[in-house]
Amino acid sequence: MTNPARIDDVSIGGDAIRLGQFLKFAGLLDSGGNVKEAIIDGYVTVNGEVDRRRGRQLQLGDVVTFEGRSVRVCA
């Protein structure tokens, strides 16, 4: 059983990354089509709020959640 409060850190090797890129990079989704659909349908949250912009620039410390899995953007 997984702990819903668990947040995994994912290093992006820089200062910023787009939401769509990060979802694939972090392994939350495996294809661009799935990413686009999940974001548009409102299944992805950033810092606890639904964000429907695939091109949103994430910053270090942002927490992205999809299907109960949360990952934090790290350098």
PDB file of N, CA and C in Angstrom:
ATOM      1  N   MET A   1       0.840  -1.182   0.000  1.00  0.00           N
ATOM      2  CA  MET A   1       0.000   0.000   0.000  1.00  0.00           C
ATOM      3  C   MET A   1       0.882   1.242   0.000  1.00  0.00           C
ATOM      4  N   THR A   2       0.613   2.193  -0.894  1.00  0.00           N
ATOM      5  CA  THR A   2       1.434   3.392  -0.990  1.00  0.00           C
ATOM      6  C   THR A   2       0.918   4.473  -0.063  1.00  0.00           C
ATOM      7  N   ASN A   3       1.834   5.297   0.381  1.00  0.00           N
ATOM      8  CA  ASN A   3       1.502   6.421   1.251  1.00  0.00           C
ATOM      9  C   ASN A   3       1.120   7.607   0.373  1.00  0.00           C
ATOM     10  N   PRO A   4      -0.125   8.100   0.444  1.00  0.00           N
ATOM     11  CA  PRO A   4      -0.560   9.184  -0.431  1.00  0.00           C
ATOM     12  C   PRO A   4       0.181  10.497  -0.191  1.00  0.00           C
ATOM     13  N   ALA A   5       0.830  10.648   0.980  1.00  0.00           N
ATOM     14  CA  ALA A   5       1.539  11.888   1.281  1.00  0.00           C
ATOM     15  C   ALA A   5       2.965  11.873   0.741  1.00  0.00           C
ATOM     16  N   ARG A   6       3.401  10.758   0.203  1.00  0.00           N
ATOM     17  CA  ARG A   6       4.775  10.630  -0.292  1.00  0.00           C
ATOM     18  C   ARG A   6       4.976  11.492  -1.540  1.00  0.00           C
ATOM     19  N   ILE A   7       6.086  12.227  -1.547  1.00  0.00           N
ATOM     20  CA  ILE A   7       6.447  13.044  -2.703  1.00  0.00           C
ATOM     21  C   ILE A   7       7.850  12.638  -3.133  1.00  0.00           C
ATOM     22  N   ASP A   8       7.986  12.212  -4.375  1.00  0.00           N
ATOM     23  CA  ASP A   8       9.289  11.850  -4.914  1.00  0.00           C
ATOM     24  C   ASP A   8       9.940  13.077  -5.529  1.00  0.00           C
ATOM     25  N   ASP A   9      11.250  13.220  -5.333  1.00  0.00           N
ATOM     26  CA  ASP A   9      11.996  14.307  -5.956  1.00  0.00           C
ATOM     27  C   ASP A   9      12.534  13.849  -7.299  1.00  0.00           C
ATOM     28  N   VAL A  10      12.378  14.682  -8.331  1.00  0.00           N
ATOM     29  CA  VAL A  10      12.884  14.379  -9.667  1.00  0.00           C
ATOM     30  C   VAL A  10      13.777  15.531 -10.106  1.00  0.00           C
ATOM     31  N   SER A  11      15.049  15.227 -10.322  1.00  0.00           N
ATOM     32  CA  SER A  11      16.008  16.242 -10.739  1.00  0.00           C
ATOM     33  C   SER A  11      15.880  16.502 -12.237  1.00  0.00           C
ATOM     34  N   ILE A  12      15.729  17.791 -12.593  1.00  0.00           N
ATOM     35  CA  ILE A  12      15.602  18.141 -14.006  1.00  0.00           C
ATOM     36  C   ILE A  12      16.915  18.673 -14.581  1.00  0.00           C
ATOM     37  N   GLY A  13      17.926  18.849 -13.732  1.00  0.00           N
ATOM     38  CA  GLY A  13      19.222  19.308 -14.197  1.00  0.00           C
ATOM     39  C   GLY A  13      19.235  20.751 -14.680  1.00  0.00           C
ATOM     40  N   GLY A  14      18.296  21.549 -14.207  1.00  0.00           N
ATOM     41  CA  GLY A  14      18.224  22.959 -14.605  1.00  0.00           C
ATOM     42  C   GLY A  14      17.283  23.710 -13.695  1.00  0.00           C
ATOM     43  N   ASP A  15      16.811  24.862 -14.184  1.00  0.00           N
ATOM     44  CA  ASP A  15      15.951  25.707 -13.353  1.00  0.00           C
ATOM     45  C   ASP A  15      14.470  25.592 -13.670  1.00  0.00           C
ATOM     46  N   ALA A  16      14.125  25.187 -14.899  1.00  0.00           N
ATOM     47  CA  ALA A  16      12.711  25.157 -15.290  1.00  0.00           C
ATOM     48  C   ALA A  16      12.483  24.084 -16.351  1.00  0.00           C
ATOM     49  N   ILE A  17      11.238  23.629 -16.431  1.00  0.00           N
ATOM     50  CA  ILE A  17      10.836  22.631 -17.421  1.00  0.00           C
ATOM     51  C   ILE A  17       9.333  22.812 -17.655  1.00  0.00           C
ATOM     52  N   ARG A  18       8.872  22.499 -18.842  1.00  0.00           N
ATOM     53  CA  ARG A  18       7.435  22.602 -19.124  1.00  0.00           C
ATOM     54  C   ARG A  18       6.693  21.423 -18.503  1.00  0.00           C
ATOM     55  N   LEU A  19       5.445  21.666 -18.131  1.00  0.00           N
ATOM     56  CA  LEU A  19       4.630  20.647 -17.474  1.00  0.00           C
ATOM     57  C   LEU A  19       4.540  19.370 -18.303  1.00  0.00           C
ATOM     58  N   GLY A  20       4.238  19.497 -19.584  1.00  0.00           N
ATOM     59  CA  GLY A  20       4.130  18.315 -20.440  1.00  0.00           C
ATOM     60  C   GLY A  20       5.411  17.510 -20.494  1.00  0.00           C
ATOM     61  N   GLN A  21       6.542  18.194 -20.587  1.00  0.00           N
ATOM     62  CA  GLN A  21       7.837  17.519 -20.622  1.00  0.00           C
ATOM     63  C   GLN A  21       8.102  16.813 -19.293  1.00  0.00           C
ATOM     64  N   PHE A  22       7.771  17.487 -18.206  1.00  0.00           N
ATOM     65  CA  PHE A  22       8.046  16.940 -16.883  1.00  0.00           C
ATOM     66  C   PHE A  22       7.241  15.675 -16.612  1.00  0.00           C
ATOM     67  N   LEU A  23       5.996  15.645 -17.051  1.00  0.00           N
ATOM     68  CA  LEU A  23       5.174  14.448 -16.824  1.00  0.00           C
ATOM     69  C   LEU A  23       5.804  13.217 -17.467  1.00  0.00           C
ATOM     70  N   LYS A  24       6.368  13.378 -18.647  1.00  0.00           N
ATOM     71  CA  LYS A  24       7.050  12.260 -19.314  1.00  0.00           C
ATOM     72  C   LYS A  24       8.394  11.983 -18.645  1.00  0.00           C
ATOM     73  N   PHE A  25       9.160  13.035 -18.368  1.00  0.00           N
ATOM     74  CA  PHE A  25      10.491  12.900 -17.769  1.00  0.00           C
ATOM     75  C   PHE A  25      10.423  12.183 -16.425  1.00  0.00           C
ATOM     76  N   ALA A  26       9.404  12.512 -15.625  1.00  0.00           N
ATOM     77  CA  ALA A  26       9.253  11.924 -14.291  1.00  0.00           C
ATOM     78  C   ALA A  26       8.639  10.521 -14.339  1.00  0.00           C
ATOM     79  N   GLY A  27       8.189  10.101 -15.529  1.00  0.00           N
ATOM     80  CA  GLY A  27       7.620   8.764 -15.672  1.00  0.00           C
ATOM     81  C   GLY A  27       6.163   8.660 -15.253  1.00  0.00           C
ATOM     82  N   LEU A  28       5.483   9.799 -15.098  1.00  0.00           N
ATOM     83  CA  LEU A  28       4.068   9.757 -14.730  1.00  0.00           C
ATOM     84  C   LEU A  28       3.206   9.348 -15.917  1.00  0.00           C
ATOM     85  N   LEU A  29       3.625   9.729 -17.116  1.00  0.00           N
ATOM     86  CA  LEU A  29       2.940   9.350 -18.350  1.00  0.00           C
ATOM     87  C   LEU A  29       4.004   9.013 -19.387  1.00  0.00           C
ATOM     88  N   ASP A  30       3.636   8.188 -20.373  1.00  0.00           N
ATOM     89  CA  ASP A  30       4.671   7.718 -21.294  1.00  0.00           C
ATOM     90  C   ASP A  30       4.590   8.247 -22.717  1.00  0.00           C
ATOM     91  N   SER A  31       3.552   9.012 -23.054  1.00  0.00           N
ATOM     92  CA  SER A  31       3.492   9.537 -24.415  1.00  0.00           C
ATOM     93  C   SER A  31       2.914  10.944 -24.427  1.00  0.00           C
ATOM     94  N   GLY A  32       3.274  11.687 -25.462  1.00  0.00           N
ATOM     95  CA  GLY A  32       2.776  13.043 -25.594  1.00  0.00           C
ATOM     96  C   GLY A  32       1.262  13.110 -25.691  1.00  0.00           C
ATOM     97  N   GLY A  33       0.661  12.131 -26.361  1.00  0.00           N
ATOM     98  CA  GLY A  33      -0.792  12.086 -26.480  1.00  0.00           C
ATOM     99  C   GLY A  33      -1.462  11.900 -25.133  1.00  0.00           C
ATOM    100  N   ASN A  34      -0.904  10.999 -24.326  1.00  0.00           N
ATOM    101  CA  ASN A  34      -1.455  10.772 -22.989  1.00  0.00           C
ATOM    102  C   ASN A  34      -1.291  12.008 -22.112  1.00  0.00           C
ATOM    103  N   VAL A  35      -0.142  12.682 -22.245  1.00  0.00           N
ATOM    104  CA  VAL A  35       0.114  13.899 -21.478  1.00  0.00           C
ATOM    105  C   VAL A  35      -0.923  14.958 -21.833  1.00  0.00           C
ATOM    106  N   LYS A  36      -1.103  15.195 -23.122  1.00  0.00           N
ATOM    107  CA  LYS A  36      -2.048  16.221 -23.579  1.00  0.00           C
ATOM    108  C   LYS A  36      -3.453  15.941 -23.052  1.00  0.00           C
ATOM    109  N   GLU A  37      -3.902  14.700 -23.169  1.00  0.00           N
ATOM    110  CA  GLU A  37      -5.238  14.316 -22.728  1.00  0.00           C
ATOM    111  C   GLU A  37      -5.406  14.497 -21.217  1.00  0.00           C
ATOM    112  N   ALA A  38      -4.420  14.035 -20.434  1.00  0.00           N
ATOM    113  CA  ALA A  38      -4.507  14.123 -18.975  1.00  0.00           C
ATOM    114  C   ALA A  38      -4.562  15.571 -18.512  1.00  0.00           C
ATOM    115  N   ILE A  39      -3.760  16.438 -19.144  1.00  0.00           N
ATOM    116  CA  ILE A  39      -3.741  17.849 -18.759  1.00  0.00           C
ATOM    117  C   ILE A  39      -5.050  18.531 -19.141  1.00  0.00           C
ATOM    118  N   ILE A  40      -5.483  18.351 -20.377  1.00  0.00           N
ATOM    119  CA  ILE A  40      -6.718  18.989 -20.845  1.00  0.00           C
ATOM    120  C   ILE A  40      -7.925  18.534 -20.028  1.00  0.00           C
ATOM    121  N   ASP A  41      -7.959  17.253 -19.656  1.00  0.00           N
ATOM    122  CA  ASP A  41      -9.087  16.712 -18.896  1.00  0.00           C
ATOM    123  C   ASP A  41      -9.044  17.087 -17.410  1.00  0.00           C
ATOM    124  N   GLY A  42      -7.984  17.777 -16.978  1.00  0.00           N
ATOM    125  CA  GLY A  42      -7.914  18.251 -15.601  1.00  0.00           C
ATOM    126  C   GLY A  42      -7.461  17.226 -14.587  1.00  0.00           C
ATOM    127  N   TYR A  43      -6.732  16.196 -15.035  1.00  0.00           N
ATOM    128  CA  TYR A  43      -6.262  15.152 -14.113  1.00  0.00           C
ATOM    129  C   TYR A  43      -4.915  15.456 -13.481  1.00  0.00           C
ATOM    130  N   VAL A  44      -4.282  16.555 -13.880  1.00  0.00           N
ATOM    131  CA  VAL A  44      -2.957  16.914 -13.382  1.00  0.00           C
ATOM    132  C   VAL A  44      -3.068  18.165 -12.514  1.00  0.00           C
ATOM    133  N   THR A  45      -2.435  18.121 -11.336  1.00  0.00           N
ATOM    134  CA  THR A  45      -2.396  19.312 -10.496  1.00  0.00           C
ATOM    135  C   THR A  45      -0.950  19.758 -10.315  1.00  0.00           C
ATOM    136  N   VAL A  46      -0.795  21.071 -10.168  1.00  0.00           N
ATOM    137  CA  VAL A  46       0.503  21.668  -9.852  1.00  0.00           C
ATOM    138  C   VAL A  46       0.314  22.444  -8.563  1.00  0.00           C
ATOM    139  N   ASN A  47       1.056  22.054  -7.553  1.00  0.00           N
ATOM    140  CA  ASN A  47       0.938  22.681  -6.226  1.00  0.00           C
ATOM    141  C   ASN A  47      -0.508  22.670  -5.728  1.00  0.00           C
ATOM    142  N   GLY A  48      -1.203  21.566  -5.996  1.00  0.00           N
ATOM    143  CA  GLY A  48      -2.552  21.371  -5.481  1.00  0.00           C
ATOM    144  C   GLY A  48      -3.674  21.957  -6.320  1.00  0.00           C
ATOM    145  N   GLU A  49      -3.343  22.616  -7.441  1.00  0.00           N
ATOM    146  CA  GLU A  49      -4.375  23.222  -8.282  1.00  0.00           C
ATOM    147  C   GLU A  49      -4.317  22.648  -9.698  1.00  0.00           C
ATOM    148  N   VAL A  50      -5.482  22.384 -10.273  1.00  0.00           N
ATOM    149  CA  VAL A  50      -5.541  21.885 -11.650  1.00  0.00           C
ATOM    150  C   VAL A  50      -4.956  22.936 -12.588  1.00  0.00           C
ATOM    151  N   ASP A  51      -4.090  22.487 -13.488  1.00  0.00           N
ATOM    152  CA  ASP A  51      -3.520  23.388 -14.499  1.00  0.00           C
ATOM    153  C   ASP A  51      -3.646  22.708 -15.847  1.00  0.00           C
ATOM    154  N   ARG A  52      -4.339  23.343 -16.772  1.00  0.00           N
ATOM    155  CA  ARG A  52      -4.604  22.748 -18.088  1.00  0.00           C
ATOM    156  C   ARG A  52      -3.667  23.274 -19.170  1.00  0.00           C
ATOM    157  N   ARG A  53      -2.512  23.820 -18.768  1.00  0.00           N
ATOM    158  CA  ARG A  53      -1.543  24.359 -19.726  1.00  0.00           C
ATOM    159  C   ARG A  53      -0.342  23.422 -19.829  1.00  0.00           C
ATOM    160  N   ARG A  54      -0.253  22.720 -20.935  1.00  0.00           N
ATOM    161  CA  ARG A  54       0.852  21.786 -21.152  1.00  0.00           C
ATOM    162  C   ARG A  54       2.194  22.514 -21.146  1.00  0.00           C
ATOM    163  N   GLY A  55       2.194  23.763 -21.602  1.00  0.00           N
ATOM    164  CA  GLY A  55       3.425  24.530 -21.691  1.00  0.00           C
ATOM    165  C   GLY A  55       3.766  25.333 -20.448  1.00  0.00           C
ATOM    166  N   ARG A  56       3.019  25.134 -19.376  1.00  0.00           N
ATOM    167  CA  ARG A  56       3.305  25.871 -18.143  1.00  0.00           C
ATOM    168  C   ARG A  56       4.742  25.611 -17.709  1.00  0.00           C
ATOM    169  N   GLN A  57       5.440  26.681 -17.380  1.00  0.00           N
ATOM    170  CA  GLN A  57       6.810  26.552 -16.899  1.00  0.00           C
ATOM    171  C   GLN A  57       6.800  26.183 -15.423  1.00  0.00           C
ATOM    172  N   LEU A  58       7.351  25.023 -15.108  1.00  0.00           N
ATOM    173  CA  LEU A  58       7.489  24.620 -13.719  1.00  0.00           C
ATOM    174  C   LEU A  58       8.798  25.167 -13.186  1.00  0.00           C
ATOM    175  N   GLN A  59       8.812  25.503 -11.921  1.00  0.00           N
ATOM    176  CA  GLN A  59      10.011  26.001 -11.262  1.00  0.00           C
ATOM    177  C   GLN A  59      10.451  24.998 -10.205  1.00  0.00           C
ATOM    178  N   LEU A  60      11.673  25.141  -9.743  1.00  0.00           N
ATOM    179  CA  LEU A  60      12.172  24.262  -8.690  1.00  0.00           C
ATOM    180  C   LEU A  60      11.250  24.341  -7.478  1.00  0.00           C
ATOM    181  N   GLY A  61      10.913  23.188  -6.928  1.00  0.00           N
ATOM    182  CA  GLY A  61      10.045  23.128  -5.759  1.00  0.00           C
ATOM    183  C   GLY A  61       8.578  22.886  -6.077  1.00  0.00           C
ATOM    184  N   ASP A  62       8.167  23.071  -7.339  1.00  0.00           N
ATOM    185  CA  ASP A  62       6.784  22.797  -7.714  1.00  0.00           C
ATOM    186  C   ASP A  62       6.486  21.308  -7.542  1.00  0.00           C
ATOM    187  N   VAL A  63       5.269  20.991  -7.099  1.00  0.00           N
ATOM    188  CA  VAL A  63       4.852  19.598  -6.913  1.00  0.00           C
ATOM    189  C   VAL A  63       3.742  19.289  -7.909  1.00  0.00           C
ATOM    190  N   VAL A  64       3.977  18.260  -8.731  1.00  0.00           N
ATOM    191  CA  VAL A  64       3.023  17.836  -9.757  1.00  0.00           C
ATOM    192  C   VAL A  64       2.415  16.509  -9.315  1.00  0.00           C
ATOM    193  N   THR A  65       1.084  16.400  -9.403  1.00  0.00           N
ATOM    194  CA  THR A  65       0.396  15.180  -8.991  1.00  0.00           C
ATOM    195  C   THR A  65      -0.472  14.661 -10.121  1.00  0.00           C
ATOM    196  N   PHE A  66      -0.396  13.340 -10.333  1.00  0.00           N
ATOM    197  CA  PHE A  66      -1.228  12.659 -11.321  1.00  0.00           C
ATOM    198  C   PHE A  66      -1.543  11.273 -10.788  1.00  0.00           C
ATOM    199  N   GLU A  67      -2.820  10.929 -10.746  1.00  0.00           N
ATOM    200  CA  GLU A  67      -3.297   9.617 -10.272  1.00  0.00           C
ATOM    201  C   GLU A  67      -2.685   9.213  -8.933  1.00  0.00           C
ATOM    202  N   GLY A  68      -2.655  10.155  -8.000  1.00  0.00           N
ATOM    203  CA  GLY A  68      -2.207   9.860  -6.646  1.00  0.00           C
ATOM    204  C   GLY A  68      -0.708   9.849  -6.442  1.00  0.00           C
ATOM    205  N   ARG A  69       0.067  10.039  -7.490  1.00  0.00           N
ATOM    206  CA  ARG A  69       1.525  10.082  -7.368  1.00  0.00           C
ATOM    207  C   ARG A  69       1.992  11.524  -7.486  1.00  0.00           C
ATOM    208  N   SER A  70       2.780  11.958  -6.509  1.00  0.00           N
ATOM    209  CA  SER A  70       3.274  13.330  -6.500  1.00  0.00           C
ATOM    210  C   SER A  70       4.782  13.355  -6.665  1.00  0.00           C
ATOM    211  N   VAL A  71       5.247  14.282  -7.510  1.00  0.00           N
ATOM    212  CA  VAL A  71       6.681  14.448  -7.733  1.00  0.00           C
ATOM    213  C   VAL A  71       7.030  15.930  -7.643  1.00  0.00           C
ATOM    214  N   ARG A  72       8.196  16.202  -7.053  1.00  0.00           N
ATOM    215  CA  ARG A  72       8.647  17.581  -6.868  1.00  0.00           C
ATOM    216  C   ARG A  72       9.786  17.865  -7.853  1.00  0.00           C
ATOM    217  N   VAL A  73       9.748  19.036  -8.461  1.00  0.00           N
ATOM    218  CA  VAL A  73      10.789  19.460  -9.389  1.00  0.00           C
ATOM    219  C   VAL A  73      12.007  19.885  -8.589  1.00  0.00           C
ATOM    220  N   CYS A  74      13.149  19.230  -8.854  1.00  0.00           N
ATOM    221  CA  CYS A  74      14.402  19.545  -8.162  1.00  0.00           C
ATOM    222  C   CYS A  74      15.500  19.813  -9.189  1.00  0.00           C
ATOM    223  N   ALA A  75      16.548  20.510  -8.735  1.00  0.00           N
ATOM    224  CA  ALA A  75      17.671  20.830  -9.631  1.00  0.00           C
ATOM    225  C   ALA A  75      18.518  19.605  -9.905  1.00  0.00           C
TER     226      ALA A  75
END
